[in-house]
Amino acid sequence: NASRREWTLLPDYSSRPLWNKHDASFATPVSRGVALP
């Protein structure tokens, strides 16, 4: 965080396989920094 001059933790699911909860099908990949739907 450049404005606060400190580190912060953000979500990173970009390298993980994801599944849709309703039927266990593969879900669309999520970009780094985006929360899991």
Full PDB file with SEQRES, HELIX, SHEET, SSBOND, CRYST1, ORIGX, SCALE, CONECT and MASTER records, all heavy atoms in Angstrom:
SEQRES   1 A   37  ASN ALA SER ARG ARG GLU TRP THR LEU LEU PRO ASP TYR          
SEQRES   2 A   37  SER SER ARG PRO LEU TRP ASN LYS HIS ASP ALA SER PHE          
SEQRES   3 A   37  ALA THR PRO VAL SER ARG GLY VAL ALA LEU PRO                  
CRYST1    1.000    1.000    1.000  90.00  90.00  90.00 P 1           1          
ORIGX1      1.000000  0.000000  0.000000        0.00000                         
ORIGX2      0.000000  1.000000  0.000000        0.00000                         
ORIGX3      0.000000  0.000000  1.000000        0.00000                         
SCALE1      1.000000  0.000000  0.000000        0.00000                         
SCALE2      0.000000  1.000000  0.000000        0.00000                         
SCALE3      0.000000  0.000000  1.000000        0.00000                         
ATOM      1  N   ASN A   1       0.864  -1.174   0.000  1.00  0.00           N  
ATOM      2  CA  ASN A   1       0.000   0.000   0.000  1.00  0.00           C  
ATOM      3  C   ASN A   1       0.906   1.230   0.000  1.00  0.00           C  
ATOM      4  O   ASN A   1       1.452   1.616   1.036  1.00  0.00           O  
ATOM      5  CB  ASN A   1      -0.913  -0.013   1.228  1.00  0.00           C  
ATOM      6  CG  ASN A   1      -1.955   1.080   1.185  1.00  0.00           C  
ATOM      7  OD1 ASN A   1      -1.680   2.201   0.748  1.00  0.00           O  
ATOM      8  ND2 ASN A   1      -3.162   0.762   1.621  1.00  0.00           N  
ATOM      9  N   ALA A   2       1.082   1.838  -1.167  1.00  0.00           N  
ATOM     10  CA  ALA A   2       2.036   2.946  -1.295  1.00  0.00           C  
ATOM     11  C   ALA A   2       1.607   4.166  -0.507  1.00  0.00           C  
ATOM     12  O   ALA A   2       2.458   4.893   0.023  1.00  0.00           O  
ATOM     13  CB  ALA A   2       2.212   3.297  -2.774  1.00  0.00           C  
ATOM     14  N   SER A   3       0.307   4.427  -0.419  1.00  0.00           N  
ATOM     15  CA  SER A   3      -0.150   5.621   0.290  1.00  0.00           C  
ATOM     16  C   SER A   3       0.057   5.506   1.799  1.00  0.00           C  
ATOM     17  O   SER A   3       0.361   6.484   2.477  1.00  0.00           O  
ATOM     18  CB  SER A   3      -1.626   5.888  -0.017  1.00  0.00           C  
ATOM     19  OG  SER A   3      -2.432   4.802   0.412  1.00  0.00           O  
ATOM     20  N   ARG A   4      -0.084   4.290   2.335  1.00  0.00           N  
ATOM     21  CA  ARG A   4       0.089   4.081   3.770  1.00  0.00           C  
ATOM     22  C   ARG A   4       1.476   3.549   4.126  1.00  0.00           C  
ATOM     23  O   ARG A   4       1.794   3.386   5.303  1.00  0.00           O  
ATOM     24  CB  ARG A   4      -0.988   3.126   4.282  1.00  0.00           C  
ATOM     25  CG  ARG A   4      -2.398   3.629   4.056  1.00  0.00           C  
ATOM     26  CD  ARG A   4      -3.442   2.647   4.555  1.00  0.00           C  
ATOM     27  NE  ARG A   4      -3.352   2.433   5.983  1.00  0.00           N  
ATOM     28  CZ  ARG A   4      -4.168   1.654   6.680  1.00  0.00           C  
ATOM     29  NH1 ARG A   4      -5.146   1.017   6.053  1.00  0.00           N  
ATOM     30  NH2 ARG A   4      -4.023   1.496   7.978  1.00  0.00           N  
ATOM     31  N   ARG A   5       2.265   3.243   3.102  1.00  0.00           N  
ATOM     32  CA  ARG A   5       3.625   2.753   3.296  1.00  0.00           C  
ATOM     33  C   ARG A   5       3.634   1.504   4.171  1.00  0.00           C  
ATOM     34  O   ARG A   5       4.391   1.385   5.141  1.00  0.00           O  
ATOM     35  CB  ARG A   5       4.521   3.838   3.921  1.00  0.00           C  
ATOM     36  CG  ARG A   5       4.539   5.166   3.189  1.00  0.00           C  
ATOM     37  CD  ARG A   5       5.199   5.040   1.838  1.00  0.00           C  
ATOM     38  NE  ARG A   5       6.581   4.617   1.935  1.00  0.00           N  
ATOM     39  CZ  ARG A   5       7.331   4.271   0.892  1.00  0.00           C  
ATOM     40  NH1 ARG A   5       6.807   4.296  -0.322  1.00  0.00           N  
ATOM     41  NH2 ARG A   5       8.578   3.897   1.052  1.00  0.00           N  
ATOM     42  N   GLU A   6       2.785   0.540   3.814  1.00  0.00           N  
ATOM     43  CA  GLU A   6       2.731  -0.695   4.587  1.00  0.00           C  
ATOM     44  C   GLU A   6       2.215  -1.830   3.715  1.00  0.00           C  
ATOM     45  O   GLU A   6       1.615  -1.620   2.664  1.00  0.00           O  
ATOM     46  CB  GLU A   6       1.837  -0.532   5.810  1.00  0.00           C  
ATOM     47  CG  GLU A   6       0.366  -0.294   5.477  1.00  0.00           C  
ATOM     48  CD  GLU A   6      -0.506  -0.097   6.705  1.00  0.00           C  
ATOM     49  OE1 GLU A   6       0.066   0.160   7.783  1.00  0.00           O  
ATOM     50  OE2 GLU A   6      -1.743  -0.192   6.588  1.00  0.00           O  
ATOM     51  N   TRP A   7       2.470  -3.058   4.176  1.00  0.00           N  
ATOM     52  CA  TRP A   7       1.976  -4.249   3.493  1.00  0.00           C  
ATOM     53  C   TRP A   7       0.542  -4.535   3.917  1.00  0.00           C  
ATOM     54  O   TRP A   7       0.155  -4.269   5.051  1.00  0.00           O  
ATOM     55  CB  TRP A   7       2.846  -5.463   3.822  1.00  0.00           C  
ATOM     56  CG  TRP A   7       4.240  -5.365   3.320  1.00  0.00           C  
ATOM     57  CD1 TRP A   7       5.361  -5.064   4.038  1.00  0.00           C  
ATOM     58  CD2 TRP A   7       4.681  -5.579   1.972  1.00  0.00           C  
ATOM     59  NE1 TRP A   7       6.463  -5.066   3.231  1.00  0.00           N  
ATOM     60  CE2 TRP A   7       6.085  -5.382   1.961  1.00  0.00           C  
ATOM     61  CE3 TRP A   7       4.036  -5.908   0.789  1.00  0.00           C  
ATOM     62  CZ2 TRP A   7       6.840  -5.510   0.796  1.00  0.00           C  
ATOM     63  CZ3 TRP A   7       4.794  -6.030  -0.378  1.00  0.00           C  
ATOM     64  CH2 TRP A   7       6.173  -5.835  -0.364  1.00  0.00           C  
ATOM     65  N   THR A   8      -0.225  -5.090   2.998  1.00  0.00           N  
ATOM     66  CA  THR A   8      -1.571  -5.546   3.304  1.00  0.00           C  
ATOM     67  C   THR A   8      -1.779  -6.888   2.617  1.00  0.00           C  
ATOM     68  O   THR A   8      -1.125  -7.191   1.618  1.00  0.00           O  
ATOM     69  CB  THR A   8      -2.631  -4.522   2.828  1.00  0.00           C  
ATOM     70  OG1 THR A   8      -3.929  -4.967   3.234  1.00  0.00           O  
ATOM     71  CG2 THR A   8      -2.602  -4.378   1.318  1.00  0.00           C  
ATOM     72  N   LEU A   9      -2.655  -7.704   3.169  1.00  0.00           N  
ATOM     73  CA  LEU A   9      -2.931  -9.019   2.600  1.00  0.00           C  
ATOM     74  C   LEU A   9      -4.182  -8.948   1.732  1.00  0.00           C  
ATOM     75  O   LEU A   9      -5.229  -8.472   2.171  1.00  0.00           O  
ATOM     76  CB  LEU A   9      -3.125 -10.056   3.712  1.00  0.00           C  
ATOM     77  CG  LEU A   9      -1.874 -10.432   4.508  1.00  0.00           C  
ATOM     78  CD1 LEU A   9      -2.228 -11.404   5.628  1.00  0.00           C  
ATOM     79  CD2 LEU A   9      -0.810 -11.037   3.594  1.00  0.00           C  
ATOM     80  N   LEU A  10      -4.048  -9.430   0.496  1.00  0.00           N  
ATOM     81  CA  LEU A  10      -5.172  -9.482  -0.439  1.00  0.00           C  
ATOM     82  C   LEU A  10      -5.397 -10.927  -0.872  1.00  0.00           C  
ATOM     83  O   LEU A  10      -4.472 -11.744  -0.831  1.00  0.00           O  
ATOM     84  CB  LEU A  10      -4.888  -8.602  -1.659  1.00  0.00           C  
ATOM     85  CG  LEU A  10      -4.789  -7.088  -1.412  1.00  0.00           C  
ATOM     86  CD1 LEU A  10      -4.520  -6.359  -2.722  1.00  0.00           C  
ATOM     87  CD2 LEU A  10      -6.046  -6.554  -0.755  1.00  0.00           C  
ATOM     88  N   PRO A  11      -6.631 -11.253  -1.297  1.00  0.00           N  
ATOM     89  CA  PRO A  11      -6.905 -12.634  -1.716  1.00  0.00           C  
ATOM     90  C   PRO A  11      -6.177 -12.989  -3.001  1.00  0.00           C  
ATOM     91  O   PRO A  11      -5.956 -12.138  -3.868  1.00  0.00           O  
ATOM     92  CB  PRO A  11      -8.430 -12.643  -1.912  1.00  0.00           C  
ATOM     93  CG  PRO A  11      -8.795 -11.217  -2.149  1.00  0.00           C  
ATOM     94  CD  PRO A  11      -7.833 -10.402  -1.349  1.00  0.00           C  
ATOM     95  N   ASP A  12      -5.811 -14.262  -3.112  1.00  0.00           N  
ATOM     96  CA  ASP A  12      -5.145 -14.743  -4.316  1.00  0.00           C  
ATOM     97  C   ASP A  12      -5.567 -16.189  -4.589  1.00  0.00           C  
ATOM     98  O   ASP A  12      -5.010 -17.131  -4.030  1.00  0.00           O  
ATOM     99  CB  ASP A  12      -3.625 -14.661  -4.167  1.00  0.00           C  
ATOM    100  CG  ASP A  12      -2.910 -15.076  -5.451  1.00  0.00           C  
ATOM    101  OD1 ASP A  12      -3.593 -15.244  -6.474  1.00  0.00           O  
ATOM    102  OD2 ASP A  12      -1.673 -15.228  -5.415  1.00  0.00           O  
ATOM    103  N   TYR A  13      -6.570 -16.321  -5.463  1.00  0.00           N  
ATOM    104  CA  TYR A  13      -7.040 -17.636  -5.887  1.00  0.00           C  
ATOM    105  C   TYR A  13      -6.637 -17.918  -7.332  1.00  0.00           C  
ATOM    106  O   TYR A  13      -7.159 -18.836  -7.959  1.00  0.00           O  
ATOM    107  CB  TYR A  13      -8.569 -17.723  -5.752  1.00  0.00           C  
ATOM    108  CG  TYR A  13      -9.062 -17.659  -4.331  1.00  0.00           C  
ATOM    109  CD1 TYR A  13      -9.404 -16.446  -3.743  1.00  0.00           C  
ATOM    110  CD2 TYR A  13      -9.182 -18.811  -3.567  1.00  0.00           C  
ATOM    111  CE1 TYR A  13      -9.852 -16.379  -2.431  1.00  0.00           C  
ATOM    112  CE2 TYR A  13      -9.634 -18.755  -2.253  1.00  0.00           C  
ATOM    113  CZ  TYR A  13      -9.968 -17.537  -1.699  1.00  0.00           C  
ATOM    114  OH  TYR A  13     -10.405 -17.497  -0.394  1.00  0.00           O  
ATOM    115  N   SER A  14      -5.717 -17.122  -7.846  1.00  0.00           N  
ATOM    116  CA  SER A  14      -5.376 -17.203  -9.275  1.00  0.00           C  
ATOM    117  C   SER A  14      -4.727 -18.525  -9.659  1.00  0.00           C  
ATOM    118  O   SER A  14      -4.814 -18.941 -10.817  1.00  0.00           O  
ATOM    119  CB  SER A  14      -4.445 -16.049  -9.643  1.00  0.00           C  
ATOM    120  OG  SER A  14      -3.250 -16.091  -8.874  1.00  0.00           O  
ATOM    121  N   SER A  15      -4.074 -19.202  -8.715  1.00  0.00           N  
ATOM    122  CA  SER A  15      -3.393 -20.460  -9.054  1.00  0.00           C  
ATOM    123  C   SER A  15      -4.101 -21.669  -8.465  1.00  0.00           C  
ATOM    124  O   SER A  15      -3.533 -22.773  -8.451  1.00  0.00           O  
ATOM    125  CB  SER A  15      -1.942 -20.407  -8.550  1.00  0.00           C  
ATOM    126  OG  SER A  15      -1.900 -20.249  -7.145  1.00  0.00           O  
ATOM    127  N   ARG A  16      -5.320 -21.500  -8.008  1.00  0.00           N  
ATOM    128  CA  ARG A  16      -6.050 -22.598  -7.377  1.00  0.00           C  
ATOM    129  C   ARG A  16      -7.219 -23.035  -8.253  1.00  0.00           C  
ATOM    130  O   ARG A  16      -7.900 -22.197  -8.840  1.00  0.00           O  
ATOM    131  CB  ARG A  16      -6.584 -22.182  -6.004  1.00  0.00           C  
ATOM    132  CG  ARG A  16      -5.503 -21.861  -5.001  1.00  0.00           C  
ATOM    133  CD  ARG A  16      -6.076 -21.753  -3.606  1.00  0.00           C  
ATOM    134  NE  ARG A  16      -5.039 -21.600  -2.612  1.00  0.00           N  
ATOM    135  CZ  ARG A  16      -5.151 -21.959  -1.345  1.00  0.00           C  
ATOM    136  NH1 ARG A  16      -6.282 -22.500  -0.917  1.00  0.00           N  
ATOM    137  NH2 ARG A  16      -4.158 -21.789  -0.503  1.00  0.00           N  
ATOM    138  N   PRO A  17      -7.481 -24.344  -8.308  1.00  0.00           N  
ATOM    139  CA  PRO A  17      -8.703 -24.794  -8.986  1.00  0.00           C  
ATOM    140  C   PRO A  17      -9.921 -24.418  -8.162  1.00  0.00           C  
ATOM    141  O   PRO A  17      -9.900 -24.464  -6.935  1.00  0.00           O  
ATOM    142  CB  PRO A  17      -8.530 -26.316  -9.064  1.00  0.00           C  
ATOM    143  CG  PRO A  17      -7.586 -26.650  -7.957  1.00  0.00           C  
ATOM    144  CD  PRO A  17      -6.674 -25.474  -7.807  1.00  0.00           C  
ATOM    145  N   LEU A  18     -10.990 -24.046  -8.857  1.00  0.00           N  
ATOM    146  CA  LEU A  18     -12.218 -23.612  -8.199  1.00  0.00           C  
ATOM    147  C   LEU A  18     -13.395 -24.400  -8.740  1.00  0.00           C  
ATOM    148  O   LEU A  18     -13.398 -24.824  -9.902  1.00  0.00           O  
ATOM    149  CB  LEU A  18     -12.439 -22.108  -8.421  1.00  0.00           C  
ATOM    150  CG  LEU A  18     -11.309 -21.175  -7.978  1.00  0.00           C  
ATOM    151  CD1 LEU A  18     -11.611 -19.745  -8.387  1.00  0.00           C  
ATOM    152  CD2 LEU A  18     -11.077 -21.266  -6.473  1.00  0.00           C  
ATOM    153  N   TRP A  19     -14.414 -24.559  -7.895  1.00  0.00           N  
ATOM    154  CA  TRP A  19     -15.599 -25.313  -8.287  1.00  0.00           C  
ATOM    155  C   TRP A  19     -16.861 -24.521  -7.952  1.00  0.00           C  
ATOM    156  O   TRP A  19     -16.913 -23.804  -6.942  1.00  0.00           O  
ATOM    157  CB  TRP A  19     -15.654 -26.653  -7.547  1.00  0.00           C  
ATOM    158  CG  TRP A  19     -14.580 -27.612  -7.963  1.00  0.00           C  
ATOM    159  CD1 TRP A  19     -14.641 -28.568  -8.936  1.00  0.00           C  
ATOM    160  CD2 TRP A  19     -13.270 -27.709  -7.398  1.00  0.00           C  
ATOM    161  NE1 TRP A  19     -13.458 -29.249  -9.027  1.00  0.00           N  
ATOM    162  CE2 TRP A  19     -12.586 -28.742  -8.098  1.00  0.00           C  
ATOM    163  CE3 TRP A  19     -12.594 -27.026  -6.389  1.00  0.00           C  
ATOM    164  CZ2 TRP A  19     -11.274 -29.102  -7.803  1.00  0.00           C  
ATOM    165  CZ3 TRP A  19     -11.282 -27.372  -6.098  1.00  0.00           C  
ATOM    166  CH2 TRP A  19     -10.640 -28.407  -6.798  1.00  0.00           C  
ATOM    167  N   ASN A  20     -17.864 -24.653  -8.807  1.00  0.00           N  
ATOM    168  CA  ASN A  20     -19.176 -24.075  -8.530  1.00  0.00           C  
ATOM    169  C   ASN A  20     -19.873 -24.905  -7.457  1.00  0.00           C  
ATOM    170  O   ASN A  20     -19.904 -26.142  -7.532  1.00  0.00           O  
ATOM    171  CB  ASN A  20     -20.020 -24.048  -9.806  1.00  0.00           C  
ATOM    172  CG  ASN A  20     -19.472 -23.062 -10.818  1.00  0.00           C  
ATOM    173  OD1 ASN A  20     -19.285 -21.897 -10.518  1.00  0.00           O  
ATOM    174  ND2 ASN A  20     -19.220 -23.549 -12.035  1.00  0.00           N  
ATOM    175  N   LYS A  21     -20.433 -24.227  -6.479  1.00  0.00           N  
ATOM    176  CA  LYS A  21     -21.004 -24.938  -5.342  1.00  0.00           C  
ATOM    177  C   LYS A  21     -22.262 -25.722  -5.696  1.00  0.00           C  
ATOM    178  O   LYS A  21     -22.558 -26.741  -5.067  1.00  0.00           O  
ATOM    179  CB  LYS A  21     -21.327 -23.940  -4.218  1.00  0.00           C  
ATOM    180  CG  LYS A  21     -20.102 -23.314  -3.570  1.00  0.00           C  
ATOM    181  CD  LYS A  21     -20.506 -22.336  -2.474  1.00  0.00           C  
ATOM    182  CE  LYS A  21     -19.290 -21.732  -1.781  1.00  0.00           C  
ATOM    183  NZ  LYS A  21     -19.682 -20.767  -0.730  1.00  0.00           N  
ATOM    184  N   HIS A  22     -23.017 -25.259  -6.686  1.00  0.00           N  
ATOM    185  CA  HIS A  22     -24.320 -25.896  -6.910  1.00  0.00           C  
ATOM    186  C   HIS A  22     -24.217 -27.259  -7.574  1.00  0.00           C  
ATOM    187  O   HIS A  22     -25.088 -28.109  -7.395  1.00  0.00           O  
ATOM    188  CB  HIS A  22     -25.227 -24.984  -7.730  1.00  0.00           C  
ATOM    189  CG  HIS A  22     -24.795 -24.809  -9.151  1.00  0.00           C  
ATOM    190  ND1 HIS A  22     -23.767 -23.958  -9.510  1.00  0.00           N  
ATOM    191  CD2 HIS A  22     -25.248 -25.376 -10.307  1.00  0.00           C  
ATOM    192  CE1 HIS A  22     -23.601 -24.006 -10.819  1.00  0.00           C  
ATOM    193  NE2 HIS A  22     -24.485 -24.856 -11.326  1.00  0.00           N  
ATOM    194  N   ASP A  23     -23.112 -27.474  -8.366  1.00  0.00           N  
ATOM    195  CA  ASP A  23     -23.036 -28.767  -9.050  1.00  0.00           C  
ATOM    196  C   ASP A  23     -21.625 -29.329  -9.136  1.00  0.00           C  
ATOM    197  O   ASP A  23     -21.385 -30.328  -9.811  1.00  0.00           O  
ATOM    198  CB  ASP A  23     -23.609 -28.641 -10.464  1.00  0.00           C  
ATOM    199  CG  ASP A  23     -22.828 -27.661 -11.325  1.00  0.00           C  
ATOM    200  OD1 ASP A  23     -21.874 -27.035 -10.818  1.00  0.00           O  
ATOM    201  OD2 ASP A  23     -23.191 -27.525 -12.514  1.00  0.00           O  
ATOM    202  N   ALA A  24     -20.642 -28.681  -8.469  1.00  0.00           N  
ATOM    203  CA  ALA A  24     -19.253 -29.152  -8.439  1.00  0.00           C  
ATOM    204  C   ALA A  24     -18.569 -29.086  -9.797  1.00  0.00           C  
ATOM    205  O   ALA A  24     -17.539 -29.733  -9.999  1.00  0.00           O  
ATOM    206  CB  ALA A  24     -19.175 -30.569  -7.878  1.00  0.00           C  
ATOM    207  N   SER A  25     -19.101 -28.303 -10.716  1.00  0.00           N  
ATOM    208  CA  SER A  25     -18.413 -28.116 -11.993  1.00  0.00           C  
ATOM    209  C   SER A  25     -17.284 -27.096 -11.804  1.00  0.00           C  
ATOM    210  O   SER A  25     -17.275 -26.306 -10.856  1.00  0.00           O  
ATOM    211  CB  SER A  25     -19.388 -27.618 -13.056  1.00  0.00           C  
ATOM    212  OG  SER A  25     -19.949 -26.359 -12.666  1.00  0.00           O  
ATOM    213  N   PHE A  26     -16.297 -27.153 -12.709  1.00  0.00           N  
ATOM    214  CA  PHE A  26     -15.187 -26.212 -12.613  1.00  0.00           C  
ATOM    215  C   PHE A  26     -15.680 -24.782 -12.821  1.00  0.00           C  
ATOM    216  O   PHE A  26     -16.472 -24.514 -13.726  1.00  0.00           O  
ATOM    217  CB  PHE A  26     -14.103 -26.541 -13.635  1.00  0.00           C  
ATOM    218  CG  PHE A  26     -13.210 -27.677 -13.206  1.00  0.00           C  
ATOM    219  CD1 PHE A  26     -13.267 -28.900 -13.845  1.00  0.00           C  
ATOM    220  CD2 PHE A  26     -12.317 -27.515 -12.151  1.00  0.00           C  
ATOM    221  CE1 PHE A  26     -12.453 -29.944 -13.454  1.00  0.00           C  
ATOM    222  CE2 PHE A  26     -11.496 -28.561 -11.752  1.00  0.00           C  
ATOM    223  CZ  PHE A  26     -11.564 -29.786 -12.399  1.00  0.00           C  
ATOM    224  N   ALA A  27     -15.186 -23.880 -11.981  1.00  0.00           N  
ATOM    225  CA  ALA A  27     -15.589 -22.477 -12.058  1.00  0.00           C  
ATOM    226  C   ALA A  27     -14.569 -21.670 -12.849  1.00  0.00           C  
ATOM    227  O   ALA A  27     -13.425 -22.096 -13.050  1.00  0.00           O  
ATOM    228  CB  ALA A  27     -15.738 -21.895 -10.654  1.00  0.00           C  
ATOM    229  N   THR A  28     -14.991 -20.505 -13.289  1.00  0.00           N  
ATOM    230  CA  THR A  28     -14.095 -19.598 -14.011  1.00  0.00           C  
ATOM    231  C   THR A  28     -12.979 -19.126 -13.083  1.00  0.00           C  
ATOM    232  O   THR A  28     -13.233 -18.782 -11.935  1.00  0.00           O  
ATOM    233  CB  THR A  28     -14.884 -18.384 -14.527  1.00  0.00           C  
ATOM    234  OG1 THR A  28     -15.958 -18.841 -15.357  1.00  0.00           O  
ATOM    235  CG2 THR A  28     -13.992 -17.449 -15.315  1.00  0.00           C  
ATOM    236  N   PRO A  29     -11.726 -19.117 -13.532  1.00  0.00           N  
ATOM    237  CA  PRO A  29     -10.623 -18.657 -12.674  1.00  0.00           C  
ATOM    238  C   PRO A  29     -10.846 -17.223 -12.181  1.00  0.00           C  
ATOM    239  O   PRO A  29     -11.475 -16.408 -12.857  1.00  0.00           O  
ATOM    240  CB  PRO A  29      -9.400 -18.743 -13.598  1.00  0.00           C  
ATOM    241  CG  PRO A  29      -9.781 -19.749 -14.640  1.00  0.00           C  
ATOM    242  CD  PRO A  29     -11.249 -19.597 -14.846  1.00  0.00           C  
ATOM    243  N   VAL A  30     -10.326 -16.935 -10.998  1.00  0.00           N  
ATOM    244  CA  VAL A  30     -10.457 -15.625 -10.369  1.00  0.00           C  
ATOM    245  C   VAL A  30      -9.102 -14.936 -10.386  1.00  0.00           C  
ATOM    246  O   VAL A  30      -8.084 -15.538 -10.046  1.00  0.00           O  
ATOM    247  CB  VAL A  30     -10.973 -15.766  -8.924  1.00  0.00           C  
ATOM    248  CG1 VAL A  30     -10.986 -14.423  -8.212  1.00  0.00           C  
ATOM    249  CG2 VAL A  30     -12.366 -16.373  -8.921  1.00  0.00           C  
ATOM    250  N   SER A  31      -9.087 -13.687 -10.785  1.00  0.00           N  
ATOM    251  CA  SER A  31      -7.834 -12.944 -10.872  1.00  0.00           C  
ATOM    252  C   SER A  31      -7.267 -12.660  -9.487  1.00  0.00           C  
ATOM    253  O   SER A  31      -7.978 -12.616  -8.482  1.00  0.00           O  
ATOM    254  CB  SER A  31      -8.049 -11.617 -11.609  1.00  0.00           C  
ATOM    255  OG  SER A  31      -8.531 -11.842 -12.917  1.00  0.00           O  
ATOM    256  N   ARG A  32      -5.968 -12.432  -9.447  1.00  0.00           N  
ATOM    257  CA  ARG A  32      -5.286 -12.100  -8.203  1.00  0.00           C  
ATOM    258  C   ARG A  32      -5.825 -10.786  -7.642  1.00  0.00           C  
ATOM    259  O   ARG A  32      -6.009  -9.815  -8.366  1.00  0.00           O  
ATOM    260  CB  ARG A  32      -3.786 -11.976  -8.466  1.00  0.00           C  
ATOM    261  CG  ARG A  32      -2.927 -12.051  -7.223  1.00  0.00           C  
ATOM    262  CD  ARG A  32      -1.465 -11.922  -7.588  1.00  0.00           C  
ATOM    263  NE  ARG A  32      -0.610 -12.358  -6.524  1.00  0.00           N  
ATOM    264  CZ  ARG A  32       0.643 -11.965  -6.353  1.00  0.00           C  
ATOM    265  NH1 ARG A  32       1.162 -11.096  -7.214  1.00  0.00           N  
ATOM    266  NH2 ARG A  32       1.367 -12.422  -5.357  1.00  0.00           N  
ATOM    267  N   GLY A  33      -6.093 -10.779  -6.343  1.00  0.00           N  
ATOM    268  CA  GLY A  33      -6.605  -9.593  -5.692  1.00  0.00           C  
ATOM    269  C   GLY A  33      -8.117  -9.526  -5.649  1.00  0.00           C  
ATOM    270  O   GLY A  33      -8.668  -8.624  -5.011  1.00  0.00           O  
ATOM    271  N   VAL A  34      -8.809 -10.472  -6.324  1.00  0.00           N  
ATOM    272  CA  VAL A  34     -10.270 -10.488  -6.358  1.00  0.00           C  
ATOM    273  C   VAL A  34     -10.773 -11.510  -5.348  1.00  0.00           C  
ATOM    274  O   VAL A  34     -10.270 -12.642  -5.294  1.00  0.00           O  
ATOM    275  CB  VAL A  34     -10.785 -10.826  -7.768  1.00  0.00           C  
ATOM    276  CG1 VAL A  34     -12.310 -10.922  -7.773  1.00  0.00           C  
ATOM    277  CG2 VAL A  34     -10.301  -9.789  -8.766  1.00  0.00           C  
ATOM    278  N   ALA A  35     -11.756 -11.125  -4.550  1.00  0.00           N  
ATOM    279  CA  ALA A  35     -12.318 -12.032  -3.549  1.00  0.00           C  
ATOM    280  C   ALA A  35     -13.065 -13.174  -4.226  1.00  0.00           C  
ATOM    281  O   ALA A  35     -13.568 -13.046  -5.345  1.00  0.00           O  
ATOM    282  CB  ALA A  35     -13.239 -11.268  -2.615  1.00  0.00           C  
ATOM    283  N   LEU A  36     -13.129 -14.288  -3.530  1.00  0.00           N  
ATOM    284  CA  LEU A  36     -13.820 -15.454  -4.064  1.00  0.00           C  
ATOM    285  C   LEU A  36     -15.327 -15.207  -4.081  1.00  0.00           C  
ATOM    286  O   LEU A  36     -15.911 -14.819  -3.072  1.00  0.00           O  
ATOM    287  CB  LEU A  36     -13.505 -16.666  -3.188  1.00  0.00           C  
ATOM    288  CG  LEU A  36     -13.765 -18.048  -3.793  1.00  0.00           C  
ATOM    289  CD1 LEU A  36     -12.842 -18.282  -4.981  1.00  0.00           C  
ATOM    290  CD2 LEU A  36     -13.544 -19.120  -2.737  1.00  0.00           C  
ATOM    291  N   PRO A  37     -15.987 -15.401  -5.227  1.00  0.00           N  
ATOM    292  CA  PRO A  37     -17.449 -15.232  -5.264  1.00  0.00           C  
ATOM    293  C   PRO A  37     -18.134 -16.201  -4.301  1.00  0.00           C  
ATOM    294  O   PRO A  37     -17.636 -17.300  -4.043  1.00  0.00           O  
ATOM    295  CB  PRO A  37     -17.804 -15.552  -6.728  1.00  0.00           C  
ATOM    296  CG  PRO A  37     -16.535 -15.335  -7.481  1.00  0.00           C  
ATOM    297  CD  PRO A  37     -15.424 -15.707  -6.554  1.00  0.00           C  
TER     298      PRO A  37                                                      
MASTER        0    0    0    0    0    0    0    6  297    1    0    3          
END                                                                             
